[in-house]
């Protein structure tokens, strides 16, 4: 996990056959916590924090979609800042 950019994390999750398991693995590798009980329960709030970006939603799928959306936006803003830097 160490040394991976946010852009690399996004590509890894999006390119995975199982994005949820990939996100879980990346969160755990970074020293984060992953609630093992939550995948079966899609009616609870779930939060993902990875690469300095947080996503939240009702259930893991919604939280991962939110994280990807926010991560894409952070990458876009970072690229704009680099251009204007």
N, C-alpha and C. Protein backbone atom coordinates (compact mmCIF):
# COMPACT_ATOMS: atom_id res chain seq x y z
N UNK A 1 0.83 -1.19 0.00
CA UNK A 1 0.00 0.00 0.00
C UNK A 1 0.87 1.25 0.00
N UNK A 2 1.98 1.19 0.69
CA UNK A 2 2.84 2.35 0.84
C UNK A 2 3.35 2.81 -0.52
N UNK A 3 3.26 4.11 -0.76
CA UNK A 3 3.77 4.67 -2.00
C UNK A 3 2.74 4.74 -3.11
N UNK A 4 1.57 4.19 -2.93
CA UNK A 4 0.54 4.25 -3.97
C UNK A 4 -0.15 5.60 -3.94
N UNK A 5 -0.30 6.18 -5.11
CA UNK A 5 -1.02 7.43 -5.22
C UNK A 5 -2.52 7.15 -5.20
N UNK A 6 -3.30 8.19 -4.98
CA UNK A 6 -4.75 8.05 -5.00
C UNK A 6 -5.19 7.54 -6.37
N UNK A 7 -4.59 8.08 -7.42
CA UNK A 7 -4.93 7.64 -8.78
C UNK A 7 -4.67 6.15 -8.95
N UNK A 8 -3.56 5.65 -8.41
CA UNK A 8 -3.25 4.22 -8.50
C UNK A 8 -4.25 3.38 -7.71
N UNK A 9 -4.68 3.88 -6.56
CA UNK A 9 -5.69 3.16 -5.77
C UNK A 9 -7.00 3.06 -6.54
N UNK A 10 -7.41 4.17 -7.17
CA UNK A 10 -8.65 4.17 -7.96
C UNK A 10 -8.55 3.17 -9.09
N UNK A 11 -7.44 3.18 -9.82
CA UNK A 11 -7.26 2.24 -10.94
C UNK A 11 -7.29 0.80 -10.45
N UNK A 12 -6.69 0.55 -9.30
CA UNK A 12 -6.67 -0.81 -8.76
C UNK A 12 -8.07 -1.28 -8.40
N UNK A 13 -8.85 -0.43 -7.76
CA UNK A 13 -10.22 -0.81 -7.39
C UNK A 13 -11.07 -0.98 -8.64
N UNK A 14 -11.02 -0.01 -9.54
CA UNK A 14 -11.87 -0.07 -10.73
C UNK A 14 -11.48 -1.22 -11.67
N UNK A 15 -10.21 -1.58 -11.70
CA UNK A 15 -9.76 -2.65 -12.59
C UNK A 15 -9.90 -4.04 -12.03
N UNK A 16 -10.39 -4.13 -10.82
CA UNK A 16 -10.50 -5.41 -10.14
C UNK A 16 -11.77 -6.17 -10.56
N UNK A 17 -11.66 -7.50 -10.55
CA UNK A 17 -12.85 -8.33 -10.79
C UNK A 17 -13.82 -8.23 -9.61
N UNK A 18 -13.30 -7.95 -8.43
CA UNK A 18 -14.13 -7.81 -7.22
C UNK A 18 -13.71 -6.53 -6.50
N UNK A 19 -14.26 -5.37 -6.93
CA UNK A 19 -13.85 -4.09 -6.35
C UNK A 19 -14.02 -3.99 -4.84
N UNK A 20 -15.05 -4.62 -4.31
CA UNK A 20 -15.27 -4.54 -2.86
C UNK A 20 -14.15 -5.26 -2.12
N UNK A 21 -13.78 -6.45 -2.57
CA UNK A 21 -12.70 -7.18 -1.90
C UNK A 21 -11.36 -6.48 -2.07
N UNK A 22 -11.17 -5.86 -3.22
CA UNK A 22 -9.93 -5.10 -3.44
C UNK A 22 -9.88 -3.91 -2.51
N UNK A 23 -10.99 -3.18 -2.39
CA UNK A 23 -11.03 -2.04 -1.47
C UNK A 23 -10.78 -2.51 -0.04
N UNK A 24 -11.40 -3.61 0.33
CA UNK A 24 -11.20 -4.18 1.68
C UNK A 24 -9.72 -4.46 1.92
N UNK A 25 -9.08 -5.12 0.96
CA UNK A 25 -7.67 -5.46 1.09
C UNK A 25 -6.82 -4.20 1.23
N UNK A 26 -7.09 -3.19 0.43
CA UNK A 26 -6.31 -1.96 0.48
C UNK A 26 -6.51 -1.23 1.81
N UNK A 27 -7.73 -1.20 2.30
CA UNK A 27 -8.00 -0.57 3.60
C UNK A 27 -7.24 -1.30 4.70
N UNK A 28 -7.31 -2.63 4.68
CA UNK A 28 -6.63 -3.42 5.72
C UNK A 28 -5.10 -3.24 5.63
N UNK A 29 -4.56 -3.21 4.40
CA UNK A 29 -3.11 -3.01 4.22
C UNK A 29 -2.66 -1.66 4.76
N UNK A 30 -3.55 -0.68 4.71
CA UNK A 30 -3.20 0.66 5.17
C UNK A 30 -3.35 0.81 6.68
N UNK A 31 -3.75 -0.27 7.34
CA UNK A 31 -3.92 -0.23 8.79
C UNK A 31 -5.31 0.18 9.22
N UNK A 32 -6.22 0.25 8.26
CA UNK A 32 -7.59 0.65 8.56
C UNK A 32 -8.42 -0.52 9.08
N UNK A 33 -9.67 -0.23 9.39
CA UNK A 33 -10.62 -1.21 9.93
C UNK A 33 -11.69 -1.47 8.90
N UNK A 34 -12.06 -2.73 8.72
CA UNK A 34 -13.14 -3.12 7.81
C UNK A 34 -14.10 -3.98 8.60
N UNK A 35 -15.34 -3.56 8.72
CA UNK A 35 -16.35 -4.29 9.48
C UNK A 35 -16.79 -5.51 8.68
N UNK A 36 -16.40 -6.69 9.13
CA UNK A 36 -16.71 -7.93 8.42
C UNK A 36 -18.20 -8.25 8.42
N UNK A 37 -18.94 -7.73 9.36
CA UNK A 37 -20.37 -8.05 9.46
C UNK A 37 -21.21 -7.27 8.46
N UNK A 38 -20.72 -6.13 8.03
CA UNK A 38 -21.53 -5.23 7.24
C UNK A 38 -21.86 -5.69 5.82
N UNK A 39 -21.02 -6.48 5.13
CA UNK A 39 -21.36 -6.83 3.75
C UNK A 39 -22.72 -7.49 3.60
N UNK A 40 -23.14 -8.28 4.56
CA UNK A 40 -24.43 -8.95 4.46
C UNK A 40 -25.59 -8.01 4.76
N UNK A 41 -25.30 -6.89 5.41
CA UNK A 41 -26.35 -5.98 5.82
C UNK A 41 -26.25 -4.70 5.01
N UNK A 42 -27.10 -4.55 4.03
CA UNK A 42 -27.02 -3.40 3.13
C UNK A 42 -27.93 -2.25 3.56
N UNK A 43 -28.35 -2.25 4.82
CA UNK A 43 -29.21 -1.17 5.29
C UNK A 43 -28.52 -0.28 6.32
N UNK A 44 -27.27 -0.57 6.60
CA UNK A 44 -26.52 0.23 7.56
C UNK A 44 -25.56 1.18 6.84
N UNK A 45 -25.25 2.27 7.50
CA UNK A 45 -24.27 3.20 6.97
C UNK A 45 -22.90 2.54 7.00
N UNK A 46 -22.20 2.64 5.89
CA UNK A 46 -20.86 2.08 5.78
C UNK A 46 -19.95 3.21 5.32
N UNK A 47 -18.74 3.27 5.88
CA UNK A 47 -17.78 4.30 5.51
C UNK A 47 -16.48 3.65 5.08
N UNK A 48 -15.89 4.22 4.04
CA UNK A 48 -14.59 3.78 3.54
C UNK A 48 -13.67 4.98 3.57
N UNK A 49 -12.51 4.82 4.16
CA UNK A 49 -11.49 5.88 4.13
C UNK A 49 -10.23 5.25 3.60
N UNK A 50 -9.79 5.76 2.46
CA UNK A 50 -8.64 5.20 1.77
C UNK A 50 -7.97 6.28 0.95
N UNK A 51 -6.68 6.38 1.05
CA UNK A 51 -5.94 7.36 0.27
C UNK A 51 -6.29 8.80 0.60
N UNK A 52 -6.74 9.04 1.84
CA UNK A 52 -7.09 10.39 2.25
C UNK A 52 -8.47 10.83 1.79
N UNK A 53 -9.25 9.91 1.26
CA UNK A 53 -10.60 10.21 0.78
C UNK A 53 -11.58 9.33 1.53
N UNK A 54 -12.72 9.92 1.91
CA UNK A 54 -13.74 9.16 2.61
C UNK A 54 -14.98 9.04 1.75
N UNK A 55 -15.56 7.86 1.73
CA UNK A 55 -16.83 7.62 1.05
C UNK A 55 -17.80 7.01 2.04
N UNK A 56 -19.07 7.31 1.88
CA UNK A 56 -20.08 6.77 2.79
C UNK A 56 -21.35 6.48 2.01
N UNK A 57 -22.09 5.49 2.49
CA UNK A 57 -23.35 5.16 1.87
C UNK A 57 -24.07 4.10 2.66
N UNK A 58 -25.28 3.82 2.24
CA UNK A 58 -26.06 2.76 2.87
C UNK A 58 -25.62 1.46 2.21
N UNK A 59 -24.80 0.71 2.93
CA UNK A 59 -24.21 -0.53 2.42
C UNK A 59 -22.86 -0.27 1.75
N UNK A 60 -22.13 -1.34 1.57
CA UNK A 60 -20.78 -1.24 1.03
C UNK A 60 -20.77 -0.75 -0.40
N UNK A 61 -21.66 -1.25 -1.24
CA UNK A 61 -21.65 -0.85 -2.65
C UNK A 61 -21.84 0.65 -2.80
N UNK A 62 -22.76 1.22 -2.05
CA UNK A 62 -23.00 2.67 -2.12
C UNK A 62 -21.81 3.44 -1.58
N UNK A 63 -21.20 2.94 -0.52
CA UNK A 63 -20.03 3.61 0.05
C UNK A 63 -18.87 3.58 -0.93
N UNK A 64 -18.68 2.46 -1.61
CA UNK A 64 -17.59 2.35 -2.58
C UNK A 64 -17.84 3.27 -3.77
N UNK A 65 -19.08 3.33 -4.25
CA UNK A 65 -19.41 4.27 -5.34
C UNK A 65 -19.11 5.71 -4.93
N UNK A 66 -19.47 6.07 -3.70
CA UNK A 66 -19.22 7.42 -3.19
C UNK A 66 -17.71 7.67 -3.08
N UNK A 67 -16.97 6.68 -2.57
CA UNK A 67 -15.52 6.83 -2.46
C UNK A 67 -14.90 7.04 -3.84
N UNK A 68 -15.31 6.23 -4.82
CA UNK A 68 -14.76 6.38 -6.17
C UNK A 68 -15.09 7.75 -6.75
N UNK A 69 -16.30 8.22 -6.56
CA UNK A 69 -16.69 9.55 -7.05
C UNK A 69 -15.81 10.64 -6.43
N UNK A 70 -15.67 10.57 -5.11
CA UNK A 70 -14.87 11.58 -4.41
C UNK A 70 -13.38 11.46 -4.77
N UNK A 71 -12.90 10.23 -4.95
CA UNK A 71 -11.49 10.02 -5.31
C UNK A 71 -11.21 10.56 -6.71
N UNK A 72 -12.13 10.33 -7.64
CA UNK A 72 -11.98 10.89 -9.00
C UNK A 72 -11.93 12.41 -8.94
N UNK A 73 -12.80 12.98 -8.14
CA UNK A 73 -12.83 14.45 -8.01
C UNK A 73 -11.53 14.97 -7.40
N UNK A 74 -11.02 14.29 -6.38
CA UNK A 74 -9.77 14.71 -5.75
C UNK A 74 -8.61 14.60 -6.75
N UNK A 75 -8.60 13.54 -7.56
CA UNK A 75 -7.56 13.39 -8.59
C UNK A 75 -7.66 14.50 -9.62
N UNK A 76 -8.89 14.82 -10.03
CA UNK A 76 -9.11 15.89 -11.02
C UNK A 76 -8.64 17.23 -10.47
N UNK A 77 -8.99 17.51 -9.24
CA UNK A 77 -8.59 18.78 -8.63
C UNK A 77 -7.07 18.84 -8.44
N UNK A 78 -6.47 17.72 -8.10
CA UNK A 78 -5.02 17.67 -7.96
C UNK A 78 -4.32 17.92 -9.29
N UNK A 79 -4.88 17.37 -10.36
CA UNK A 79 -4.30 17.58 -11.70
C UNK A 79 -4.43 19.04 -12.10
N UNK A 80 -5.58 19.66 -11.78
CA UNK A 80 -5.77 21.09 -12.09
C UNK A 80 -4.78 21.95 -11.31
N UNK A 81 -4.58 21.61 -10.04
CA UNK A 81 -3.64 22.37 -9.22
C UNK A 81 -2.22 22.25 -9.77
N UNK A 82 -1.86 21.05 -10.25
CA UNK A 82 -0.54 20.85 -10.83
C UNK A 82 -0.35 21.69 -12.10
N UNK A 83 -1.42 21.80 -12.90
CA UNK A 83 -1.36 22.59 -14.12
C UNK A 83 -1.20 24.07 -13.83
N UNK A 84 -1.84 24.51 -12.77
CA UNK A 84 -1.82 25.94 -12.42
C UNK A 84 -0.67 26.29 -11.48
N UNK A 85 0.01 25.24 -10.97
CA UNK A 85 1.00 25.38 -9.94
C UNK A 85 2.15 26.21 -10.24
